[in-house]
C-alpha atoms as a PDB file:
ATOM      1  CA  MET A   1     -11.726   2.621  14.196  1.00  0.00           C
ATOM      2  CA  ASN A   2     -15.296   1.906  13.196  1.00  0.00           C
ATOM      3  CA  ALA A   3     -14.783   1.690   9.432  1.00  0.00           C
ATOM      4  CA  ASP A   4     -16.184  -1.533   8.014  1.00  0.00           C
ATOM      5  CA  LEU A   5     -13.886  -3.795   6.014  1.00  0.00           C
ATOM      6  CA  LYS A   6     -15.967  -6.920   6.520  1.00  0.00           C
ATOM      7  CA  GLN A   7     -14.866  -9.674   4.136  1.00  0.00           C
ATOM      8  CA  LYS A   8     -12.651  -7.297   2.162  1.00  0.00           C
ATOM      9  CA  ARG A   9      -9.412  -8.967   1.118  1.00  0.00           C
ATOM     10  CA  VAL A  10      -6.123  -7.224   1.841  1.00  0.00           C
ATOM     11  CA  ALA A  11      -2.799  -8.419   0.439  1.00  0.00           C
ATOM     12  CA  ILE A  12       0.265  -7.877   2.647  1.00  0.00           C
ATOM     13  CA  VAL A  13       3.439  -8.288   0.605  1.00  0.00           C
ATOM     14  CA  ALA A  14       6.660  -8.838   2.553  1.00  0.00           C
ATOM     15  CA  THR A  15       9.736 -11.042   2.837  1.00  0.00           C
ATOM     16  CA  ASP A  16      12.646 -11.711   5.166  1.00  0.00           C
ATOM     17  CA  GLY A  17      13.755  -8.582   7.021  1.00  0.00           C
ATOM     18  CA  VAL A  18      10.289  -7.084   7.465  1.00  0.00           C
ATOM     19  CA  GLU A  19       9.914  -4.891  10.547  1.00  0.00           C
ATOM     20  CA  GLN A  20       7.678  -7.034  12.754  1.00  0.00           C
ATOM     21  CA  ILE A  21       5.645  -4.258  14.347  1.00  0.00           C
ATOM     22  CA  GLU A  22       5.006  -2.632  10.947  1.00  0.00           C
ATOM     23  CA  LEU A  23       3.432  -5.856   9.735  1.00  0.00           C
ATOM     24  CA  GLU A  24       1.609  -6.989  12.850  1.00  0.00           C
ATOM     25  CA  GLU A  25       0.015  -3.760  14.107  1.00  0.00           C
ATOM     26  CA  PRO A  26      -1.578  -2.706  10.780  1.00  0.00           C
ATOM     27  CA  ARG A  27      -2.673  -6.300  10.229  1.00  0.00           C
ATOM     28  CA  ARG A  28      -4.384  -6.377  13.625  1.00  0.00           C
ATOM     29  CA  ALA A  29      -6.164  -3.116  12.828  1.00  0.00           C
ATOM     30  CA  LEU A  30      -7.376  -4.463   9.485  1.00  0.00           C
ATOM     31  CA  ASP A  31      -8.462  -7.769  11.011  1.00  0.00           C
ATOM     32  CA  ALA A  32     -10.351  -5.908  13.753  1.00  0.00           C
ATOM     33  CA  ALA A  33     -12.235  -3.976  11.059  1.00  0.00           C
ATOM     34  CA  GLY A  34     -13.348  -7.271   9.491  1.00  0.00           C
ATOM     35  CA  ALA A  35     -10.800  -7.621   6.684  1.00  0.00           C
ATOM     36  CA  ILE A  36      -9.364 -10.918   5.449  1.00  0.00           C
ATOM     37  CA  THR A  37      -5.592 -10.456   5.352  1.00  0.00           C
ATOM     38  CA  HIS A  38      -3.076 -12.659   3.555  1.00  0.00           C
ATOM     39  CA  LEU A  39       0.680 -12.427   4.021  1.00  0.00           C
ATOM     40  CA  ILE A  40       2.151 -12.926   0.555  1.00  0.00           C
ATOM     41  CA  ALA A  41       5.851 -13.606   0.000  1.00  0.00           C
ATOM     42  CA  PRO A  42       8.011 -14.650  -2.960  1.00  0.00           C
ATOM     43  CA  LYS A  43       8.466 -18.118  -1.483  1.00  0.00           C
ATOM     44  CA  GLY A  44       8.662 -20.196   1.675  1.00  0.00           C
ATOM     45  CA  ASP A  45       6.435 -21.234   4.531  1.00  0.00           C
ATOM     46  CA  SER A  46       7.437 -18.296   6.716  1.00  0.00           C
ATOM     47  CA  ILE A  47       9.473 -15.091   6.698  1.00  0.00           C
ATOM     48  CA  GLN A  48      11.948 -13.774   9.254  1.00  0.00           C
ATOM     49  CA  ALA A  49      10.728 -10.593  10.932  1.00  0.00           C
ATOM     50  CA  MET A  50      13.025  -8.101  12.629  1.00  0.00           C
ATOM     51  CA  ASN A  51      12.799  -5.839  15.649  1.00  0.00           C
ATOM     52  CA  HIS A  52      15.157  -3.163  14.386  1.00  0.00           C
ATOM     53  CA  ASP A  53      18.538  -4.952  14.316  1.00  0.00           C
ATOM     54  CA  ASP A  54      17.425  -8.046  16.232  1.00  0.00           C
ATOM     55  CA  LYS A  55      15.639 -11.095  14.875  1.00  0.00           C
ATOM     56  CA  GLY A  56      11.982 -11.287  15.763  1.00  0.00           C
ATOM     57  CA  ALA A  57       9.388 -13.961  15.064  1.00  0.00           C
ATOM     58  CA  ARG A  58       9.059 -16.127  12.006  1.00  0.00           C
ATOM     59  CA  ILE A  59       5.703 -15.236  10.505  1.00  0.00           C
ATOM     60  CA  PRO A  60       3.729 -17.825   8.494  1.00  0.00           C
ATOM     61  CA  VAL A  61       3.170 -17.075   4.814  1.00  0.00           C
ATOM     62  CA  ASP A  62      -0.414 -17.459   3.566  1.00  0.00           C
ATOM     63  CA  ARG A  63       0.237 -17.249  -0.168  1.00  0.00           C
ATOM     64  CA  VAL A  64       3.208 -17.077  -2.537  1.00  0.00           C
ATOM     65  CA  LEU A  65       3.384 -14.415  -5.225  1.00  0.00           C
ATOM     66  CA  ALA A  66       3.240 -16.918  -8.065  1.00  0.00           C
ATOM     67  CA  ASP A  67      -0.216 -18.041  -6.932  1.00  0.00           C
ATOM     68  CA  VAL A  68      -1.965 -14.665  -6.530  1.00  0.00           C
ATOM     69  CA  LYS A  69      -3.203 -11.873  -8.750  1.00  0.00           C
ATOM     70  CA  VAL A  70      -4.308  -8.312  -8.116  1.00  0.00           C
ATOM     71  CA  ALA A  71      -7.921  -9.171  -8.930  1.00  0.00           C
ATOM     72  CA  ASP A  72      -7.981 -11.408  -5.824  1.00  0.00           C
ATOM     73  CA  TYR A  73      -7.632  -8.423  -3.462  1.00  0.00           C
ATOM     74  CA  ASP A  74      -9.304  -5.144  -2.581  1.00  0.00           C
ATOM     75  CA  ALA A  75      -6.284  -3.379  -1.053  1.00  0.00           C
ATOM     76  CA  LEU A  76      -2.526  -3.732  -0.558  1.00  0.00           C
ATOM     77  CA  LEU A  77      -0.352  -3.177   2.536  1.00  0.00           C
ATOM     78  CA  LEU A  78       3.440  -2.849   2.258  1.00  0.00           C
ATOM     79  CA  PRO A  79       5.221  -2.984   5.642  1.00  0.00           C
ATOM     80  CA  GLY A  80       8.778  -1.726   5.988  1.00  0.00           C
ATOM     81  CA  GLY A  81      12.067  -2.795   7.484  1.00  0.00           C
ATOM     82  CA  VAL A  82      15.307  -2.006   5.670  1.00  0.00           C
ATOM     83  CA  ALA A  83      16.055  -5.432   4.170  1.00  0.00           C
ATOM     84  CA  ASN A  84      12.467  -6.365   3.306  1.00  0.00           C
ATOM     85  CA  PRO A  85      11.720  -3.831   0.522  1.00  0.00           C
ATOM     86  CA  ASP A  86      15.344  -3.873  -0.600  1.00  0.00           C
ATOM     87  CA  ARG A  87      14.975  -7.597  -1.336  1.00  0.00           C
ATOM     88  CA  LEU A  88      11.498  -7.242  -2.815  1.00  0.00           C
ATOM     89  CA  ARG A  89      12.498  -4.518  -5.268  1.00  0.00           C
ATOM     90  CA  THR A  90      14.872  -6.984  -6.943  1.00  0.00           C
ATOM     91  CA  ASP A  91      12.027  -9.496  -7.352  1.00  0.00           C
ATOM     92  CA  GLN A  92      10.261  -8.747 -10.635  1.00  0.00           C
ATOM     93  CA  ALA A  93       7.085 -10.602  -9.615  1.00  0.00           C
ATOM     94  CA  ALA A  94       6.794  -8.474  -6.473  1.00  0.00           C
ATOM     95  CA  VAL A  95       7.458  -5.241  -8.363  1.00  0.00           C
ATOM     96  CA  GLN A  96       4.906  -6.171 -11.031  1.00  0.00           C
ATOM     97  CA  PHE A  97       2.289  -6.987  -8.373  1.00  0.00           C
ATOM     98  CA  VAL A  98       2.748  -3.547  -6.822  1.00  0.00           C
ATOM     99  CA  ARG A  99       2.740  -1.846 -10.240  1.00  0.00           C
ATOM    100  CA  GLU A 100      -0.506  -3.561 -11.228  1.00  0.00           C
ATOM    101  CA  PHE A 101      -2.073  -2.638  -7.894  1.00  0.00           C
ATOM    102  CA  MET A 102      -1.216   1.026  -8.440  1.00  0.00           C
ATOM    103  CA  LEU A 103      -2.560   0.889 -11.986  1.00  0.00           C
ATOM    104  CA  SER A 104      -5.797  -0.637 -10.697  1.00  0.00           C
ATOM    105  CA  GLU A 105      -6.334   2.418  -8.439  1.00  0.00           C
ATOM    106  CA  LYS A 106      -7.179   0.124  -5.555  1.00  0.00           C
ATOM    107  CA  PRO A 107      -6.000   1.482  -2.184  1.00  0.00           C
ATOM    108  CA  VAL A 108      -2.358   0.920  -1.257  1.00  0.00           C
ATOM    109  CA  ALA A 109      -0.529   1.670   2.009  1.00  0.00           C
ATOM    110  CA  ALA A 110       3.235   1.732   2.600  1.00  0.00           C
ATOM    111  CA  ILE A 111       5.239   2.582   5.705  1.00  0.00           C
ATOM    112  CA  CYS A 112       8.878   3.393   6.499  1.00  0.00           C
ATOM    113  CA  HIS A 113      11.199   1.897   3.826  1.00  0.00           C
ATOM    114  CA  ALA A 114       8.332   0.263   1.881  1.00  0.00           C
ATOM    115  CA  PRO A 115       7.921   3.217  -0.548  1.00  0.00           C
ATOM    116  CA  TRP A 116      11.087   1.878  -2.198  1.00  0.00           C
ATOM    117  CA  MET A 117       8.688  -0.578  -3.827  1.00  0.00           C
ATOM    118  CA  LEU A 118       6.576   2.282  -5.162  1.00  0.00           C
ATOM    119  CA  VAL A 119       9.693   3.913  -6.611  1.00  0.00           C
ATOM    120  CA  GLU A 120      10.759   0.635  -8.234  1.00  0.00           C
ATOM    121  CA  ALA A 121       7.258   0.183  -9.655  1.00  0.00           C
ATOM    122  CA  GLY A 122       7.357   3.638 -11.264  1.00  0.00           C
ATOM    123  CA  ALA A 123       4.394   4.744  -9.175  1.00  0.00           C
ATOM    124  CA  VAL A 124       5.423   7.932  -7.351  1.00  0.00           C
ATOM    125  CA  ALA A 125       5.643  10.531 -10.134  1.00  0.00           C
ATOM    126  CA  GLY A 126       3.260  13.399  -9.391  1.00  0.00           C
ATOM    127  CA  ARG A 127       2.351  12.031  -5.970  1.00  0.00           C
ATOM    128  CA  THR A 128       2.905  13.416  -2.489  1.00  0.00           C
ATOM    129  CA  LEU A 129       4.091  10.851   0.036  1.00  0.00           C
ATOM    130  CA  THR A 130       6.154  10.319   3.137  1.00  0.00           C
ATOM    131  CA  SER A 131       8.578   7.596   4.209  1.00  0.00           C
ATOM    132  CA  TRP A 132      11.637   6.941   6.345  1.00  0.00           C
ATOM    133  CA  PRO A 133      13.706  10.116   5.761  1.00  0.00           C
ATOM    134  CA  SER A 134      16.559   8.348   3.950  1.00  0.00           C
ATOM    135  CA  LEU A 135      14.204   7.601   1.018  1.00  0.00           C
ATOM    136  CA  GLN A 136      13.330  11.223   0.300  1.00  0.00           C
ATOM    137  CA  THR A 137      15.994  11.683  -2.396  1.00  0.00           C
ATOM    138  CA  ASP A 138      14.881   8.478  -4.150  1.00  0.00           C
ATOM    139  CA  ILE A 139      11.275   9.662  -4.077  1.00  0.00           C
ATOM    140  CA  ARG A 140      12.124  13.105  -5.416  1.00  0.00           C
ATOM    141  CA  ASN A 141      14.361  11.644  -8.132  1.00  0.00           C
ATOM    142  CA  ALA A 142      11.417   9.448  -9.169  1.00  0.00           C
ATOM    143  CA  GLY A 143       9.184  12.501  -9.566  1.00  0.00           C
ATOM    144  CA  GLY A 144       7.372  12.448  -6.252  1.00  0.00           C
ATOM    145  CA  LYS A 145       7.012  15.122  -3.581  1.00  0.00           C
ATOM    146  CA  TRP A 146       8.312  14.037  -0.157  1.00  0.00           C
ATOM    147  CA  VAL A 147       6.818  15.478   3.038  1.00  0.00           C
ATOM    148  CA  ASP A 148       7.747  14.978   6.682  1.00  0.00           C
ATOM    149  CA  SER A 149       4.388  13.931   8.123  1.00  0.00           C
ATOM    150  CA  PRO A 150       3.146  11.090  10.368  1.00  0.00           C
ATOM    151  CA  VAL A 151       0.768  10.028   7.630  1.00  0.00           C
ATOM    152  CA  GLN A 152       0.098  11.273   4.105  1.00  0.00           C
ATOM    153  CA  VAL A 153      -2.885  10.445   1.915  1.00  0.00           C
ATOM    154  CA  ASP A 154      -2.700  11.015  -1.842  1.00  0.00           C
ATOM    155  CA  ASP A 155      -5.786   9.691  -3.592  1.00  0.00           C
ATOM    156  CA  ALA A 156      -5.802   5.956  -2.799  1.00  0.00           C
ATOM    157  CA  LEU A 157      -2.201   5.894  -1.494  1.00  0.00           C
ATOM    158  CA  VAL A 158      -1.462   6.088   2.245  1.00  0.00           C
ATOM    159  CA  THR A 159       2.141   6.452   3.436  1.00  0.00           C
ATOM    160  CA  SER A 160       3.832   6.861   6.800  1.00  0.00           C
ATOM    161  CA  ARG A 161       7.361   7.378   8.150  1.00  0.00           C
ATOM    162  CA  LYS A 162       8.220   4.950  10.956  1.00  0.00           C
ATOM    163  CA  PRO A 163       6.980   2.697  13.786  1.00  0.00           C
ATOM    164  CA  ASP A 164       6.237   5.697  16.021  1.00  0.00           C
ATOM    165  CA  ASP A 165       3.631   6.762  13.463  1.00  0.00           C
ATOM    166  CA  LEU A 166       1.730   3.475  13.580  1.00  0.00           C
ATOM    167  CA  PRO A 167      -1.303   4.823  15.498  1.00  0.00           C
ATOM    168  CA  HIS A 168      -1.816   7.427  12.726  1.00  0.00           C
ATOM    169  CA  PHE A 169      -1.036   4.913   9.980  1.00  0.00           C
ATOM    170  CA  CYS A 170      -3.368   2.207  11.286  1.00  0.00           C
ATOM    171  CA  ALA A 171      -6.265   4.640  11.685  1.00  0.00           C
ATOM    172  CA  ALA A 172      -5.683   6.032   8.203  1.00  0.00           C
ATOM    173  CA  ILE A 173      -5.471   2.700   6.396  1.00  0.00           C
ATOM    174  CA  VAL A 174      -8.672   1.390   7.973  1.00  0.00           C
ATOM    175  CA  ARG A 175     -10.493   4.630   7.172  1.00  0.00           C
ATOM    176  CA  GLU A 176      -9.109   5.082   3.666  1.00  0.00           C
ATOM    177  CA  PHE A 177      -9.318   1.427   2.640  1.00  0.00           C
ATOM    178  CA  ALA A 178     -12.991   1.315   3.658  1.00  0.00           C
ATOM    179  CA  ALA A 179     -13.807   4.587   1.899  1.00  0.00           C
ATOM    180  CA  ARG A 180     -11.877   3.798  -1.291  1.00  0.00           C
ATOM    181  CA  ILE A 181     -13.238   0.277  -1.612  1.00  0.00           C
ATOM    182  CA  GLU A 182     -16.764   1.624  -1.198  1.00  0.00           C
ATOM    183  CA  ASP A 183     -16.093   4.367  -3.777  1.00  0.00           C
ATOM    184  CA  ARG A 184     -14.866   1.741  -6.246  1.00  0.00           C
ATOM    185  CA  ARG A 185     -17.986  -0.354  -5.628  1.00  0.00           C
ATOM    186  CA  VAL A 186     -20.259   2.628  -6.284  1.00  0.00           C
ATOM    187  CA  ASP A 187     -18.278   3.616  -9.392  1.00  0.00           C
ATOM    188  CA  SER A 188     -18.489   0.051 -10.680  1.00  0.00           C
ATOM    189  CA  VAL A 189     -22.260   0.075 -10.329  1.00  0.00           C
ATOM    190  CA  GLY A 190     -22.462   3.454 -12.051  1.00  0.00           C
ATOM    191  CA  GLU A 191     -20.264   2.377 -14.941  1.00  0.00           C
ATOM    192  CA  GLN A 192     -22.723  -0.353 -15.831  1.00  0.00           C
ATOM    193  CA  SER A 193     -25.047   2.329 -17.195  1.00  0.00           C
ATOM    194  CA  PHE A 194     -22.543   3.466 -19.861  1.00  0.00           C
ATOM    195  CA  PRO A 195     -23.107   1.993 -23.325  1.00  0.00           C
ATOM    196  CA  ALA A 196     -20.240  -0.053 -24.723  1.00  0.00           C
ATOM    197  CA  SER A 197     -19.615   2.612 -27.362  1.00  0.00           C
ATOM    198  CA  ASP A 198     -19.234   5.336 -24.698  1.00  0.00           C
ATOM    199  CA  PRO A 199     -17.088   3.985 -21.843  1.00  0.00           C
ATOM    200  CA  PRO A 200     -16.745   6.063 -18.703  1.00  0.00           C
ATOM    201  CA  PRO A 201     -13.724   8.356 -18.639  1.00  0.00           C
ATOM    202  CA  GLY A 202     -10.850   7.691 -16.264  1.00  0.00           C
ATOM    203  CA  PRO A 203      -7.137   8.212 -15.753  1.00  0.00           C
ATOM    204  CA  THR A 204      -4.753   5.937 -17.577  1.00  0.00           C
ATOM    205  CA  ALA A 205      -1.426   6.909 -15.992  1.00  0.00           C
ATOM    206  CA  ILE A 206      -0.066   4.817 -13.138  1.00  0.00           C
ATOM    207  CA  GLY A 207      -0.354   7.822 -10.860  1.00  0.00           C
ATOM    208  CA  GLY A 208      -4.142   8.015 -11.360  1.00  0.00           C
ATOM    209  CA  THR A 209      -5.892  11.264 -10.575  1.00  0.00           C
ATOM    210  CA  GLY A 210      -3.223  12.159  -8.030  1.00  0.00           C
ATOM    211  CA  ALA A 211      -0.556  12.210 -10.718  1.00  0.00           C
ATOM    212  CA  ALA A 212      -2.760  14.177 -13.060  1.00  0.00           C
ATOM    213  CA  LYS A 213      -3.259  16.976 -10.550  1.00  0.00           C
ATOM    214  CA  GLY A 214       0.055  16.732  -8.739  1.00  0.00           C
ATOM    215  CA  GLY A 215      -1.215  14.880  -5.666  1.00  0.00           C
ATOM    216  CA  ASP A 216      -3.320  16.020  -2.726  1.00  0.00           C
ATOM    217  CA  SER A 217      -1.749  18.102  -0.009  1.00  0.00           C
ATOM    218  CA  ALA A 218      -1.589  17.044   3.598  1.00  0.00           C
ATOM    219  CA  GLU A 219      -4.133  19.744   4.379  1.00  0.00           C
ATOM    220  CA  ASP A 220      -6.669  17.942   2.204  1.00  0.00           C
ATOM    221  CA  HIS A 221      -6.506  14.930   4.503  1.00  0.00           C
ATOM    222  CA  PRO A 222      -6.104  15.973   8.144  1.00  0.00           C
ATOM    223  CA  VAL A 223      -5.181  13.210  10.589  1.00  0.00           C
END
């Protein structure tokens, strides 16, 4: 993983019940690439992680949701665990943070049960993604296309199925976060040349370009 994320800020949104390995391994990969990562939770000094059905470590919280905004971060990571996204999707501040991130077209990654948050945020219609298999009906009912793949990239969204897929997921998020953040930087510089009366065109739907064209296929992004 030689992609450069030096000084790029990545939000990791999670709460009690997060699968420990799905938080810690991607975070280590991002940190190793130079990113600044913040664990953001609805409240509290720490959250209870899980190792499947057993309690794991308590992980310190860096920020609470009430004190952050999407503009503070370059990318978003959503780890899984059954209870974690199930709790978060009932928290309107958490859902709104994810919705605004998807609307911003900044890169987002979600693994295992975390795509529940994307469903709750109304952000899967027209997209192709993967997840823990039990979510596939929810994703399809929300207008998305579910695939059984270790990792799936659809525009700026990276998804994966389970802890066994973490090597693929970690490599993809470092690569895609670096590429997408750089693309946004270049686009931002280019947009400065447009006169105020002629703004640059761009998608307005929450699905972005992926929703407009029905999402990229897995073949478009080999792993």
